[in-house]
């Protein structure tokens, strides 16, 4: 699976009541991450291997591997599309 890298120079982040609010500095677009999305975001500081993220999620959640990989990749593509991360 590909690797994902955060683009910290592109956004501001703030944690509020268990949610992480990401605001893109150029576009004003934002994400509100909670639950599993927030857990995925926290699971990598700078760069993430999506396979490792799925390994960790499967320790906590009863989800089939294929479903986990598809969901994590979809989420990662949303982050990339919004400018909060990039593929590397």
C-alpha atoms as a PDB file:
ATOM      1  CA  UNK A   1       0.000   0.000   0.000  1.00  0.00           C
ATOM      2  CA  UNK A   2       1.161   3.566  -0.564  1.00  0.00           C
ATOM      3  CA  UNK A   3       2.449   5.934   2.098  1.00  0.00           C
ATOM      4  CA  UNK A   4       0.738   9.126   3.162  1.00  0.00           C
ATOM      5  CA  UNK A   5       2.503  12.284   4.333  1.00  0.00           C
ATOM      6  CA  UNK A   6       0.898  15.160   6.227  1.00  0.00           C
ATOM      7  CA  UNK A   7       1.287  18.662   4.780  1.00  0.00           C
ATOM      8  CA  UNK A   8       1.548  20.614   8.086  1.00  0.00           C
ATOM      9  CA  UNK A   9       2.526  23.866   6.384  1.00  0.00           C
ATOM     10  CA  UNK A  10      -0.894  23.865   4.651  1.00  0.00           C
ATOM     11  CA  UNK A  11      -3.252  23.686   7.619  1.00  0.00           C
ATOM     12  CA  UNK A  12      -4.039  24.653  11.180  1.00  0.00           C
ATOM     13  CA  UNK A  13      -5.292  22.033  13.620  1.00  0.00           C
ATOM     14  CA  UNK A  14      -7.142  22.325  16.897  1.00  0.00           C
ATOM     15  CA  UNK A  15      -8.618  19.679  19.169  1.00  0.00           C
ATOM     16  CA  UNK A  16     -12.062  20.537  20.545  1.00  0.00           C
ATOM     17  CA  UNK A  17     -14.175  18.175  22.660  1.00  0.00           C
ATOM     18  CA  UNK A  18     -12.530  15.014  21.324  1.00  0.00           C
ATOM     19  CA  UNK A  19     -12.608  16.168  17.703  1.00  0.00           C
ATOM     20  CA  UNK A  20      -9.757  17.466  15.608  1.00  0.00           C
ATOM     21  CA  UNK A  21     -10.607  20.428  13.422  1.00  0.00           C
ATOM     22  CA  UNK A  22      -8.303  20.878  10.412  1.00  0.00           C
ATOM     23  CA  UNK A  23      -8.520  24.114   8.414  1.00  0.00           C
ATOM     24  CA  UNK A  24      -6.612  24.488   5.150  1.00  0.00           C
ATOM     25  CA  UNK A  25      -4.747  27.806   5.093  1.00  0.00           C
ATOM     26  CA  UNK A  26      -5.191  28.495   1.383  1.00  0.00           C
ATOM     27  CA  UNK A  27      -8.656  27.174   0.594  1.00  0.00           C
ATOM     28  CA  UNK A  28     -10.435  27.568   3.931  1.00  0.00           C
ATOM     29  CA  UNK A  29     -11.662  23.995   3.552  1.00  0.00           C
ATOM     30  CA  UNK A  30     -11.945  22.038   6.757  1.00  0.00           C
ATOM     31  CA  UNK A  31     -12.279  18.546   8.165  1.00  0.00           C
ATOM     32  CA  UNK A  32     -13.680  17.626  11.553  1.00  0.00           C
ATOM     33  CA  UNK A  33     -12.164  14.318  12.591  1.00  0.00           C
ATOM     34  CA  UNK A  34     -13.493  12.156  15.391  1.00  0.00           C
ATOM     35  CA  UNK A  35     -13.568   8.514  16.345  1.00  0.00           C
ATOM     36  CA  UNK A  36     -11.697   6.324  13.840  1.00  0.00           C
ATOM     37  CA  UNK A  37     -10.777   9.227  11.539  1.00  0.00           C
ATOM     38  CA  UNK A  38      -9.125  11.042  14.428  1.00  0.00           C
ATOM     39  CA  UNK A  39      -7.427   7.802  15.485  1.00  0.00           C
ATOM     40  CA  UNK A  40      -6.017   7.328  11.977  1.00  0.00           C
ATOM     41  CA  UNK A  41      -4.788  10.936  11.851  1.00  0.00           C
ATOM     42  CA  UNK A  42      -3.076  10.572  15.244  1.00  0.00           C
ATOM     43  CA  UNK A  43      -1.505   7.258  14.214  1.00  0.00           C
ATOM     44  CA  UNK A  44       1.060   9.024  12.091  1.00  0.00           C
ATOM     45  CA  UNK A  45       3.062  12.096  12.988  1.00  0.00           C
ATOM     46  CA  UNK A  46       4.555  12.894   9.607  1.00  0.00           C
ATOM     47  CA  UNK A  47       4.297   9.915   7.259  1.00  0.00           C
ATOM     48  CA  UNK A  48       2.135   6.800   7.370  1.00  0.00           C
ATOM     49  CA  UNK A  49       2.125   3.376   5.843  1.00  0.00           C
ATOM     50  CA  UNK A  50      -1.544   2.546   5.255  1.00  0.00           C
ATOM     51  CA  UNK A  51      -0.893  -1.150   5.817  1.00  0.00           C
ATOM     52  CA  UNK A  52       0.467  -0.416   9.300  1.00  0.00           C
ATOM     53  CA  UNK A  53      -2.564   1.760  10.050  1.00  0.00           C
ATOM     54  CA  UNK A  54      -4.833  -1.169   9.133  1.00  0.00           C
ATOM     55  CA  UNK A  55      -2.751  -3.517  11.297  1.00  0.00           C
ATOM     56  CA  UNK A  56      -3.277  -1.196  14.284  1.00  0.00           C
ATOM     57  CA  UNK A  57      -6.985  -0.676  13.613  1.00  0.00           C
ATOM     58  CA  UNK A  58      -7.573  -4.406  13.436  1.00  0.00           C
ATOM     59  CA  UNK A  59      -6.185  -4.743  16.952  1.00  0.00           C
ATOM     60  CA  UNK A  60      -9.007  -2.509  18.212  1.00  0.00           C
ATOM     61  CA  UNK A  61     -11.878  -3.165  15.803  1.00  0.00           C
ATOM     62  CA  UNK A  62     -13.464  -6.299  14.401  1.00  0.00           C
ATOM     63  CA  UNK A  63     -13.336  -5.388  10.719  1.00  0.00           C
ATOM     64  CA  UNK A  64     -12.360  -7.562   7.752  1.00  0.00           C
ATOM     65  CA  UNK A  65      -8.931  -6.695   6.336  1.00  0.00           C
ATOM     66  CA  UNK A  66     -10.213  -5.839   2.866  1.00  0.00           C
ATOM     67  CA  UNK A  67     -12.875  -3.504   4.276  1.00  0.00           C
ATOM     68  CA  UNK A  68     -10.320  -1.830   6.553  1.00  0.00           C
ATOM     69  CA  UNK A  69      -7.880  -1.238   3.697  1.00  0.00           C
ATOM     70  CA  UNK A  70     -10.595   0.155   1.418  1.00  0.00           C
ATOM     71  CA  UNK A  71     -11.906   2.494   4.128  1.00  0.00           C
ATOM     72  CA  UNK A  72      -8.464   3.746   5.141  1.00  0.00           C
ATOM     73  CA  UNK A  73      -7.511   4.348   1.504  1.00  0.00           C
ATOM     74  CA  UNK A  74     -10.772   6.251   0.893  1.00  0.00           C
ATOM     75  CA  UNK A  75     -10.141   8.403   3.958  1.00  0.00           C
ATOM     76  CA  UNK A  76      -6.541   9.018   2.864  1.00  0.00           C
ATOM     77  CA  UNK A  77      -7.706  10.048  -0.607  1.00  0.00           C
ATOM     78  CA  UNK A  78     -10.095  12.554   0.997  1.00  0.00           C
ATOM     79  CA  UNK A  79      -7.230  14.055   3.014  1.00  0.00           C
ATOM     80  CA  UNK A  80      -5.087  14.300  -0.118  1.00  0.00           C
ATOM     81  CA  UNK A  81      -7.922  15.782  -2.155  1.00  0.00           C
ATOM     82  CA  UNK A  82      -8.472  18.469   0.472  1.00  0.00           C
ATOM     83  CA  UNK A  83      -4.749  19.330   0.633  1.00  0.00           C
ATOM     84  CA  UNK A  84      -4.050  18.081   4.172  1.00  0.00           C
ATOM     85  CA  UNK A  85      -1.749  15.272   3.031  1.00  0.00           C
ATOM     86  CA  UNK A  86      -0.042  13.891  -0.063  1.00  0.00           C
ATOM     87  CA  UNK A  87       0.990  10.501  -1.385  1.00  0.00           C
ATOM     88  CA  UNK A  88       4.692   9.704  -1.213  1.00  0.00           C
END
